[in-house]
Amino acid sequence: MLKKKKQRNEEDVDNHERWLVSYADFITLLFAFFVVMYAVSSVNEGKYEILSHSLINAFSNNSPNLIVLQSQQTDLSRTDSLIKPINELDFQKVKKQEKMKSMAKDILIALEPLVKDGHVRVTQTSLGISVEINASVLFSPGQAKLAESSSLTLQAVARVIKGHEHEIHVEGHTDNLPIHTDSFLSNWELSTARASSVIRLFVDNGVEAHRFTAIGYADNRPIEANETPEGRKRNRRVTIMILSNDPDKVVEIPIAETTEFEE
């Protein structure tokens, strides 16, 4: 009787310890789950896919270490492929901006006397560099032939822009006083002819012709009211616009102090 009772107690002990096997399996799977969750803590579509495959592997008794290594390797390869092009684009953009800023400063230095006198204004925006020259510096009233004294001014600009690849728009502007001569039937013809004369001088000084576009705005883009002589004088101008290769929103960048046009 005593032997049978002792044997029954040993069987009861074995039965009570069977839960440890299931508990150990559960803890292992739970550990694998949290390791995978930690590895994909940065949420994105690619990591959700990795999580899905990893969970399948985990509950198929695959090694958790293999799952973590696979997710890390995938993330690193994707990160490298994205970071390199972005960094390269940012570097090229900054390089172009510095190049444009340097060109604007060189133009300011070349035209410094006229800038101080208020006959030239140089500004830079994300669209490019604007060199605004009062028409009185370049032309006689009602004429489109460049004055001899203006050649030095434009040659100084030509030396700076020569060798660059940027497109250049040369814009002619007039006041609103009508004109009707044998050469110019209206301000449209006068403004376009003045822009063309400036381009011709640039080309003669070695700047590539294919970079230029001549634009005549007549009196349709005034920057001052035409009711006063001072306003009309300010509106008679030629603007040399050196275009940026990748224009963005227009944000004016101060370069140097300029004064208003004087009589």
C-alpha atoms as a PDB file:
ATOM      1  CA  MET A   1       0.000   0.000   0.000  1.00  0.00           C
ATOM      2  CA  LEU A   2       2.828   2.401   0.802  1.00  0.00           C
ATOM      3  CA  LYS A   3       4.636   1.767  -2.516  1.00  0.00           C
ATOM      4  CA  LYS A   4       1.517   2.564  -4.571  1.00  0.00           C
ATOM      5  CA  LYS A   5       0.966   5.843  -2.691  1.00  0.00           C
ATOM      6  CA  LYS A   6       4.599   6.889  -3.228  1.00  0.00           C
ATOM      7  CA  GLN A   7       4.402   6.152  -6.960  1.00  0.00           C
ATOM      8  CA  ARG A   8       1.197   8.228  -7.266  1.00  0.00           C
ATOM      9  CA  ASN A   9       2.843  11.260  -5.613  1.00  0.00           C
ATOM     10  CA  GLU A  10       5.762  11.178  -8.108  1.00  0.00           C
ATOM     11  CA  GLU A  11       3.316  11.185 -11.055  1.00  0.00           C
ATOM     12  CA  ASP A  12       1.487  14.193  -9.569  1.00  0.00           C
ATOM     13  CA  VAL A  13       4.762  16.152  -9.338  1.00  0.00           C
ATOM     14  CA  ASP A  14       5.593  15.443 -12.982  1.00  0.00           C
ATOM     15  CA  ASN A  15       2.139  16.592 -14.086  1.00  0.00           C
ATOM     16  CA  HIS A  16       2.429  19.885 -12.167  1.00  0.00           C
ATOM     17  CA  GLU A  17       5.743  20.791 -13.870  1.00  0.00           C
ATOM     18  CA  ARG A  18       4.496  20.381 -17.454  1.00  0.00           C
ATOM     19  CA  TRP A  19       3.275  23.997 -17.566  1.00  0.00           C
ATOM     20  CA  LEU A  20       6.908  25.169 -17.538  1.00  0.00           C
ATOM     21  CA  VAL A  21       7.379  23.922 -21.106  1.00  0.00           C
ATOM     22  CA  SER A  22       4.463  25.965 -22.445  1.00  0.00           C
ATOM     23  CA  TYR A  23       5.500  28.976 -20.377  1.00  0.00           C
ATOM     24  CA  ALA A  24       9.054  28.858 -21.746  1.00  0.00           C
ATOM     25  CA  ASP A  25       7.735  28.712 -25.330  1.00  0.00           C
ATOM     26  CA  PHE A  26       5.421  31.648 -24.653  1.00  0.00           C
ATOM     27  CA  ILE A  27       8.224  33.771 -23.126  1.00  0.00           C
ATOM     28  CA  THR A  28      10.493  33.005 -26.102  1.00  0.00           C
ATOM     29  CA  LEU A  29       7.854  34.086 -28.608  1.00  0.00           C
ATOM     30  CA  LEU A  30       6.995  37.172 -26.559  1.00  0.00           C
ATOM     31  CA  PHE A  31      10.668  38.144 -26.423  1.00  0.00           C
ATOM     32  CA  ALA A  32      10.955  37.698 -30.188  1.00  0.00           C
ATOM     33  CA  PHE A  33       7.877  39.877 -30.716  1.00  0.00           C
ATOM     34  CA  PHE A  34       9.218  42.793 -28.641  1.00  0.00           C
ATOM     35  CA  VAL A  35      12.648  42.568 -30.278  1.00  0.00           C
ATOM     36  CA  VAL A  36      10.979  42.914 -33.670  1.00  0.00           C
ATOM     37  CA  MET A  37       8.783  45.793 -32.448  1.00  0.00           C
ATOM     38  CA  TYR A  38      11.877  47.622 -31.181  1.00  0.00           C
ATOM     39  CA  ALA A  39      13.682  47.094 -34.486  1.00  0.00           C
ATOM     40  CA  VAL A  40      10.832  48.703 -36.443  1.00  0.00           C
ATOM     41  CA  SER A  41      10.041  51.459 -33.940  1.00  0.00           C
ATOM     42  CA  SER A  42      10.389  54.117 -36.709  1.00  0.00           C
ATOM     43  CA  VAL A  43       7.136  53.732 -38.607  1.00  0.00           C
ATOM     44  CA  ASN A  44       7.131  53.529 -42.367  1.00  0.00           C
ATOM     45  CA  GLU A  45       5.657  51.320 -45.043  1.00  0.00           C
ATOM     46  CA  GLY A  46       8.846  49.327 -45.564  1.00  0.00           C
ATOM     47  CA  LYS A  47       9.149  48.480 -41.893  1.00  0.00           C
ATOM     48  CA  TYR A  48       5.566  47.306 -41.699  1.00  0.00           C
ATOM     49  CA  GLU A  49       6.411  44.834 -44.431  1.00  0.00           C
ATOM     50  CA  ILE A  50       9.508  43.723 -42.506  1.00  0.00           C
ATOM     51  CA  LEU A  51       7.385  43.327 -39.361  1.00  0.00           C
ATOM     52  CA  SER A  52       4.917  41.119 -41.195  1.00  0.00           C
ATOM     53  CA  HIS A  53       7.608  38.795 -42.500  1.00  0.00           C
ATOM     54  CA  SER A  54       9.432  38.801 -39.186  1.00  0.00           C
ATOM     55  CA  LEU A  55       6.345  37.803 -37.205  1.00  0.00           C
ATOM     56  CA  ILE A  56       5.705  34.953 -39.601  1.00  0.00           C
ATOM     57  CA  ASN A  57       9.293  33.795 -39.193  1.00  0.00           C
ATOM     58  CA  ALA A  58       9.131  34.201 -35.414  1.00  0.00           C
ATOM     59  CA  PHE A  59       6.033  32.097 -34.977  1.00  0.00           C
ATOM     60  CA  SER A  60       7.537  29.527 -37.327  1.00  0.00           C
ATOM     61  CA  ASN A  61      10.372  28.991 -34.786  1.00  0.00           C
ATOM     62  CA  ASN A  62      12.930  31.004 -36.808  1.00  0.00           C
ATOM     63  CA  SER A  63      15.767  32.715 -34.984  1.00  0.00           C
ATOM     64  CA  PRO A  64      14.927  36.216 -33.600  1.00  0.00           C
ATOM     65  CA  ASN A  65      18.538  37.290 -34.162  1.00  0.00           C
ATOM     66  CA  LEU A  66      18.188  36.640 -37.884  1.00  0.00           C
ATOM     67  CA  ILE A  67      15.029  38.785 -37.952  1.00  0.00           C
ATOM     68  CA  VAL A  68      16.733  41.789 -36.321  1.00  0.00           C
ATOM     69  CA  LEU A  69      19.756  41.591 -38.599  1.00  0.00           C
ATOM     70  CA  GLN A  70      17.570  41.403 -41.680  1.00  0.00           C
ATOM     71  CA  SER A  71      15.517  44.477 -40.711  1.00  0.00           C
ATOM     72  CA  GLN A  72      18.613  46.504 -39.860  1.00  0.00           C
ATOM     73  CA  GLN A  73      20.311  45.626 -43.137  1.00  0.00           C
ATOM     74  CA  THR A  74      17.207  46.618 -45.133  1.00  0.00           C
ATOM     75  CA  ASP A  75      16.890  49.939 -43.293  1.00  0.00           C
ATOM     76  CA  LEU A  76      20.549  50.851 -43.810  1.00  0.00           C
ATOM     77  CA  SER A  77      20.420  50.145 -47.531  1.00  0.00           C
ATOM     78  CA  ARG A  78      17.266  52.235 -47.951  1.00  0.00           C
ATOM     79  CA  THR A  79      18.664  55.088 -45.855  1.00  0.00           C
ATOM     80  CA  ASP A  80      21.901  55.219 -47.847  1.00  0.00           C
ATOM     81  CA  SER A  81      20.043  55.251 -51.163  1.00  0.00           C
ATOM     82  CA  LEU A  82      17.901  58.219 -50.020  1.00  0.00           C
ATOM     83  CA  ILE A  83      20.484  60.303 -48.147  1.00  0.00           C
ATOM     84  CA  LYS A  84      23.135  60.396 -50.879  1.00  0.00           C
ATOM     85  CA  PRO A  85      20.970  61.985 -53.635  1.00  0.00           C
ATOM     86  CA  ILE A  86      19.414  64.475 -51.176  1.00  0.00           C
ATOM     87  CA  ASN A  87      22.796  65.590 -49.861  1.00  0.00           C
ATOM     88  CA  GLU A  88      24.123  65.929 -53.402  1.00  0.00           C
ATOM     89  CA  LEU A  89      21.143  68.078 -54.450  1.00  0.00           C
ATOM     90  CA  ASP A  90      21.523  70.348 -51.415  1.00  0.00           C
ATOM     91  CA  PHE A  91      25.239  70.735 -52.058  1.00  0.00           C
ATOM     92  CA  GLN A  92      24.695  71.658 -55.711  1.00  0.00           C
ATOM     93  CA  LYS A  93      21.960  74.157 -54.798  1.00  0.00           C
ATOM     94  CA  VAL A  94      24.157  75.920 -52.225  1.00  0.00           C
ATOM     95  CA  LYS A  95      27.045  75.950 -54.683  1.00  0.00           C
ATOM     96  CA  LYS A  96      24.890  77.621 -57.363  1.00  0.00           C
ATOM     97  CA  GLN A  97      23.594  80.210 -54.883  1.00  0.00           C
ATOM     98  CA  GLU A  98      27.126  81.115 -53.811  1.00  0.00           C
ATOM     99  CA  LYS A  99      28.163  81.376 -57.457  1.00  0.00           C
ATOM    100  CA  MET A 100      25.300  83.772 -58.225  1.00  0.00           C
ATOM    101  CA  LYS A 101      26.057  85.862 -55.142  1.00  0.00           C
ATOM    102  CA  SER A 102      29.708  86.119 -56.152  1.00  0.00           C
ATOM    103  CA  MET A 103      28.685  87.237 -59.653  1.00  0.00           C
ATOM    104  CA  ALA A 104      26.388  89.922 -58.215  1.00  0.00           C
ATOM    105  CA  LYS A 105      29.199  91.283 -56.037  1.00  0.00           C
ATOM    106  CA  ASP A 106      31.563  91.398 -59.028  1.00  0.00           C
ATOM    107  CA  ILE A 107      28.981  93.414 -60.986  1.00  0.00           C
ATOM    108  CA  LEU A 108      28.571  95.800 -58.051  1.00  0.00           C
ATOM    109  CA  ILE A 109      32.307  96.359 -57.900  1.00  0.00           C
ATOM    110  CA  ALA A 110      32.536  96.898 -61.683  1.00  0.00           C
ATOM    111  CA  LEU A 111      29.703  99.456 -61.635  1.00  0.00           C
ATOM    112  CA  GLU A 112      30.412 100.986 -58.241  1.00  0.00           C
ATOM    113  CA  PRO A 113      30.625 104.641 -59.393  1.00  0.00           C
ATOM    114  CA  LEU A 114      27.266 104.425 -61.187  1.00  0.00           C
ATOM    115  CA  VAL A 115      25.713 102.610 -58.223  1.00  0.00           C
ATOM    116  CA  LYS A 116      26.820 105.401 -55.893  1.00  0.00           C
ATOM    117  CA  ASP A 117      25.424 108.020 -58.269  1.00  0.00           C
ATOM    118  CA  GLY A 118      22.069 106.220 -58.307  1.00  0.00           C
ATOM    119  CA  HIS A 119      22.139 105.389 -62.031  1.00  0.00           C
ATOM    120  CA  VAL A 120      22.494 101.623 -61.519  1.00  0.00           C
ATOM    121  CA  ARG A 121      20.738  99.254 -59.136  1.00  0.00           C
ATOM    122  CA  VAL A 122      21.894  95.662 -58.579  1.00  0.00           C
ATOM    123  CA  THR A 123      19.664  93.242 -56.682  1.00  0.00           C
ATOM    124  CA  GLN A 124      19.612  89.478 -56.289  1.00  0.00           C
ATOM    125  CA  THR A 125      16.598  87.218 -55.836  1.00  0.00           C
ATOM    126  CA  SER A 126      16.107  83.490 -56.259  1.00  0.00           C
ATOM    127  CA  LEU A 127      15.124  84.256 -59.875  1.00  0.00           C
ATOM    128  CA  GLY A 128      18.580  85.661 -60.571  1.00  0.00           C
ATOM    129  CA  ILE A 129      20.548  88.913 -60.653  1.00  0.00           C
ATOM    130  CA  SER A 130      18.888  92.121 -61.821  1.00  0.00           C
ATOM    131  CA  VAL A 131      21.093  94.932 -63.147  1.00  0.00           C
ATOM    132  CA  GLU A 132      18.900  97.989 -63.708  1.00  0.00           C
ATOM    133  CA  ILE A 133      20.596 100.787 -65.692  1.00  0.00           C
ATOM    134  CA  ASN A 134      19.017 104.181 -66.210  1.00  0.00           C
ATOM    135  CA  ALA A 135      18.502 104.887 -69.901  1.00  0.00           C
ATOM    136  CA  SER A 136      20.207 108.274 -69.621  1.00  0.00           C
ATOM    137  CA  VAL A 137      23.502 106.433 -69.068  1.00  0.00           C
ATOM    138  CA  LEU A 138      23.107 104.435 -72.291  1.00  0.00           C
ATOM    139  CA  PHE A 139      21.066 106.416 -74.843  1.00  0.00           C
ATOM    140  CA  SER A 140      20.197 109.881 -76.042  1.00  0.00           C
ATOM    141  CA  PRO A 141      16.477 110.762 -75.713  1.00  0.00           C
ATOM    142  CA  GLY A 142      14.354 108.897 -78.258  1.00  0.00           C
ATOM    143  CA  GLN A 143      17.365 106.949 -79.598  1.00  0.00           C
ATOM    144  CA  ALA A 144      18.375 103.284 -79.491  1.00  0.00           C
ATOM    145  CA  LYS A 145      22.015 103.703 -80.491  1.00  0.00           C
ATOM    146  CA  LEU A 146      24.344 103.290 -77.537  1.00  0.00           C
ATOM    147  CA  ALA A 147      26.247 106.395 -76.515  1.00  0.00           C
ATOM    148  CA  GLU A 148      30.026 106.100 -76.677  1.00  0.00           C
ATOM    149  CA  SER A 149      30.336 106.690 -72.947  1.00  0.00           C
ATOM    150  CA  SER A 150      28.050 103.723 -72.227  1.00  0.00           C
ATOM    151  CA  SER A 151      30.372 101.186 -73.834  1.00  0.00           C
ATOM    152  CA  LEU A 152      32.689 101.064 -70.818  1.00  0.00           C
ATOM    153  CA  THR A 153      29.737 100.445 -68.510  1.00  0.00           C
ATOM    154  CA  LEU A 154      28.403  97.511 -70.508  1.00  0.00           C
ATOM    155  CA  GLN A 155      31.856  96.108 -71.177  1.00  0.00           C
ATOM    156  CA  ALA A 156      32.400  95.902 -67.418  1.00  0.00           C
ATOM    157  CA  VAL A 157      29.229  93.823 -67.107  1.00  0.00           C
ATOM    158  CA  ALA A 158      30.236  91.694 -70.113  1.00  0.00           C
ATOM    159  CA  ARG A 159      33.538  90.772 -68.468  1.00  0.00           C
ATOM    160  CA  VAL A 160      31.694  89.450 -65.411  1.00  0.00           C
ATOM    161  CA  ILE A 161      29.006  87.414 -67.199  1.00  0.00           C
ATOM    162  CA  LYS A 162      31.349  86.097 -69.892  1.00  0.00           C
ATOM    163  CA  GLY A 163      32.067  82.401 -69.463  1.00  0.00           C
ATOM    164  CA  HIS A 164      28.988  81.649 -67.355  1.00  0.00           C
ATOM    165  CA  GLU A 165      26.156  79.445 -68.581  1.00  0.00           C
ATOM    166  CA  HIS A 166      23.154  81.418 -67.271  1.00  0.00           C
ATOM    167  CA  GLU A 167      20.477  82.697 -69.648  1.00  0.00           C
ATOM    168  CA  ILE A 168      20.125  86.473 -69.817  1.00  0.00           C
ATOM    169  CA  HIS A 169      17.021  88.552 -70.513  1.00  0.00           C
ATOM    170  CA  VAL A 170      17.648  92.142 -71.549  1.00  0.00           C
ATOM    171  CA  GLU A 171      14.520  94.245 -71.005  1.00  0.00           C
ATOM    172  CA  GLY A 172      13.877  97.675 -72.497  1.00  0.00           C
ATOM    173  CA  HIS A 173      11.514 100.070 -70.690  1.00  0.00           C
ATOM    174  CA  THR A 174      10.244 103.555 -71.560  1.00  0.00           C
ATOM    175  CA  ASP A 175       8.058 106.198 -69.966  1.00  0.00           C
ATOM    176  CA  ASN A 176       4.501 106.835 -71.185  1.00  0.00           C
ATOM    177  CA  LEU A 177       5.280 109.782 -73.444  1.00  0.00           C
ATOM    178  CA  PRO A 178       4.295 108.748 -76.980  1.00  0.00           C
ATOM    179  CA  ILE A 179       6.872 108.562 -79.742  1.00  0.00           C
ATOM    180  CA  HIS A 180       6.329 108.423 -83.503  1.00  0.00           C
ATOM    181  CA  THR A 181       9.365 108.835 -85.745  1.00  0.00           C
ATOM    182  CA  ASP A 182      10.701 107.296 -88.938  1.00  0.00           C
ATOM    183  CA  SER A 183      12.719 104.835 -86.820  1.00  0.00           C
ATOM    184  CA  PHE A 184      10.223 104.086 -84.053  1.00  0.00           C
ATOM    185  CA  LEU A 185       6.481 104.090 -84.537  1.00  0.00           C
ATOM    186  CA  SER A 186       5.848 103.635 -80.809  1.00  0.00           C
ATOM    187  CA  ASN A 187       7.506 102.891 -77.497  1.00  0.00           C
ATOM    188  CA  TRP A 188       7.285  99.186 -78.300  1.00  0.00           C
ATOM    189  CA  GLU A 189       9.818  99.511 -81.105  1.00  0.00           C
ATOM    190  CA  LEU A 190      12.023 101.855 -79.067  1.00  0.00           C
ATOM    191  CA  SER A 191      12.189  99.587 -76.001  1.00  0.00           C
ATOM    192  CA  THR A 192      12.897  96.477 -78.079  1.00  0.00           C
ATOM    193  CA  ALA A 193      15.577  98.233 -80.129  1.00  0.00           C
ATOM    194  CA  ARG A 194      17.334  99.427 -76.981  1.00  0.00           C
ATOM    195  CA  ALA A 195      17.383  95.909 -75.560  1.00  0.00           C
ATOM    196  CA  SER A 196      18.801  94.617 -78.856  1.00  0.00           C
ATOM    197  CA  SER A 197      21.542  97.272 -78.873  1.00  0.00           C
ATOM    198  CA  VAL A 198      22.708  96.167 -75.432  1.00  0.00           C
ATOM    199  CA  ILE A 199      22.748  92.514 -76.502  1.00  0.00           C
ATOM    200  CA  ARG A 200      24.736  93.376 -79.619  1.00  0.00           C
ATOM    201  CA  LEU A 201      27.441  94.999 -77.515  1.00  0.00           C
ATOM    202  CA  PHE A 202      27.611  91.993 -75.190  1.00  0.00           C
ATOM    203  CA  VAL A 203      27.973  89.599 -78.131  1.00  0.00           C
ATOM    204  CA  ASP A 204      30.679  91.794 -79.653  1.00  0.00           C
ATOM    205  CA  ASN A 205      32.541  91.482 -76.344  1.00  0.00           C
ATOM    206  CA  GLY A 206      32.572  87.708 -76.349  1.00  0.00           C
ATOM    207  CA  VAL A 207      29.369  86.728 -74.515  1.00  0.00           C
ATOM    208  CA  GLU A 208      27.594  83.784 -76.200  1.00  0.00           C
ATOM    209  CA  ALA A 209      24.670  84.972 -78.317  1.00  0.00           C
ATOM    210  CA  HIS A 210      22.464  81.948 -77.581  1.00  0.00           C
ATOM    211  CA  ARG A 211      22.166  83.010 -73.957  1.00  0.00           C
ATOM    212  CA  PHE A 212      20.256  86.233 -74.729  1.00  0.00           C
ATOM    213  CA  THR A 213      16.615  87.180 -75.139  1.00  0.00           C
ATOM    214  CA  ALA A 214      15.596  90.747 -76.060  1.00  0.00           C
ATOM    215  CA  ILE A 215      12.343  91.955 -74.492  1.00  0.00           C
ATOM    216  CA  GLY A 216      10.575  95.275 -75.073  1.00  0.00           C
ATOM    217  CA  TYR A 217       8.003  96.280 -72.466  1.00  0.00           C
ATOM    218  CA  ALA A 218       7.432  99.865 -73.694  1.00  0.00           C
ATOM    219  CA  ASP A 219       5.761 101.775 -70.813  1.00  0.00           C
ATOM    220  CA  ASN A 220       3.861  98.794 -69.413  1.00  0.00           C
ATOM    221  CA  ARG A 221       6.160  97.994 -66.471  1.00  0.00           C
ATOM    222  CA  PRO A 222       6.641 101.330 -64.666  1.00  0.00           C
ATOM    223  CA  ILE A 223       8.360 101.341 -61.291  1.00  0.00           C
ATOM    224  CA  GLU A 224       7.440 104.975 -60.562  1.00  0.00           C
ATOM    225  CA  ALA A 225       4.471 107.190 -61.452  1.00  0.00           C
ATOM    226  CA  ASN A 226       4.824 108.862 -64.865  1.00  0.00           C
ATOM    227  CA  GLU A 227       3.223 112.094 -63.645  1.00  0.00           C
ATOM    228  CA  THR A 228       6.559 113.662 -62.678  1.00  0.00           C
ATOM    229  CA  PRO A 229       9.825 114.135 -64.616  1.00  0.00           C
ATOM    230  CA  GLU A 230      11.656 112.183 -61.922  1.00  0.00           C
ATOM    231  CA  GLY A 231       9.254 109.255 -62.230  1.00  0.00           C
ATOM    232  CA  ARG A 232       9.511 109.200 -66.020  1.00  0.00           C
ATOM    233  CA  LYS A 233      13.298 109.277 -65.796  1.00  0.00           C
ATOM    234  CA  ARG A 234      13.279 106.299 -63.445  1.00  0.00           C
ATOM    235  CA  ASN A 235      10.982 104.370 -65.790  1.00  0.00           C
ATOM    236  CA  ARG A 236      13.311 104.854 -68.776  1.00  0.00           C
ATOM    237  CA  ARG A 237      15.701 102.009 -68.112  1.00  0.00           C
ATOM    238  CA  VAL A 238      17.299  98.805 -69.359  1.00  0.00           C
ATOM    239  CA  THR A 239      17.245  95.789 -67.049  1.00  0.00           C
ATOM    240  CA  ILE A 240      19.748  92.975 -67.516  1.00  0.00           C
ATOM    241  CA  MET A 241      18.303  89.880 -65.843  1.00  0.00           C
ATOM    242  CA  ILE A 242      20.795  87.047 -65.317  1.00  0.00           C
ATOM    243  CA  LEU A 243      18.572  84.056 -64.657  1.00  0.00           C
ATOM    244  CA  SER A 244      19.236  81.417 -62.044  1.00  0.00           C
ATOM    245  CA  ASN A 245      19.242  77.842 -63.309  1.00  0.00           C
ATOM    246  CA  ASP A 246      16.646  76.720 -60.753  1.00  0.00           C
ATOM    247  CA  PRO A 247      14.432  79.667 -59.730  1.00  0.00           C
ATOM    248  CA  ASP A 248      12.431  79.236 -56.558  1.00  0.00           C
ATOM    249  CA  LYS A 249      10.120  81.613 -54.744  1.00  0.00           C
ATOM    250  CA  VAL A 250      11.102  85.278 -54.980  1.00  0.00           C
ATOM    251  CA  VAL A 251      12.939  86.311 -51.821  1.00  0.00           C
ATOM    252  CA  GLU A 252      15.089  89.421 -52.118  1.00  0.00           C
ATOM    253  CA  ILE A 253      18.633  89.038 -50.802  1.00  0.00           C
ATOM    254  CA  PRO A 254      20.285  92.315 -49.781  1.00  0.00           C
ATOM    255  CA  ILE A 255      23.705  92.816 -51.355  1.00  0.00           C
ATOM    256  CA  ALA A 256      24.614  96.443 -50.802  1.00  0.00           C
ATOM    257  CA  GLU A 257      23.003  99.776 -50.174  1.00  0.00           C
ATOM    258  CA  THR A 258      21.790 101.570 -53.305  1.00  0.00           C
ATOM    259  CA  THR A 259      20.445 105.062 -53.730  1.00  0.00           C
ATOM    260  CA  GLU A 260      17.551 106.375 -55.737  1.00  0.00           C
ATOM    261  CA  PHE A 261      18.115 107.689 -59.228  1.00  0.00           C
ATOM    262  CA  GLU A 262      19.089 111.321 -59.292  1.00  0.00           C
ATOM    263  CA  GLU A 263      18.692 113.898 -61.998  1.00  0.00           C
END
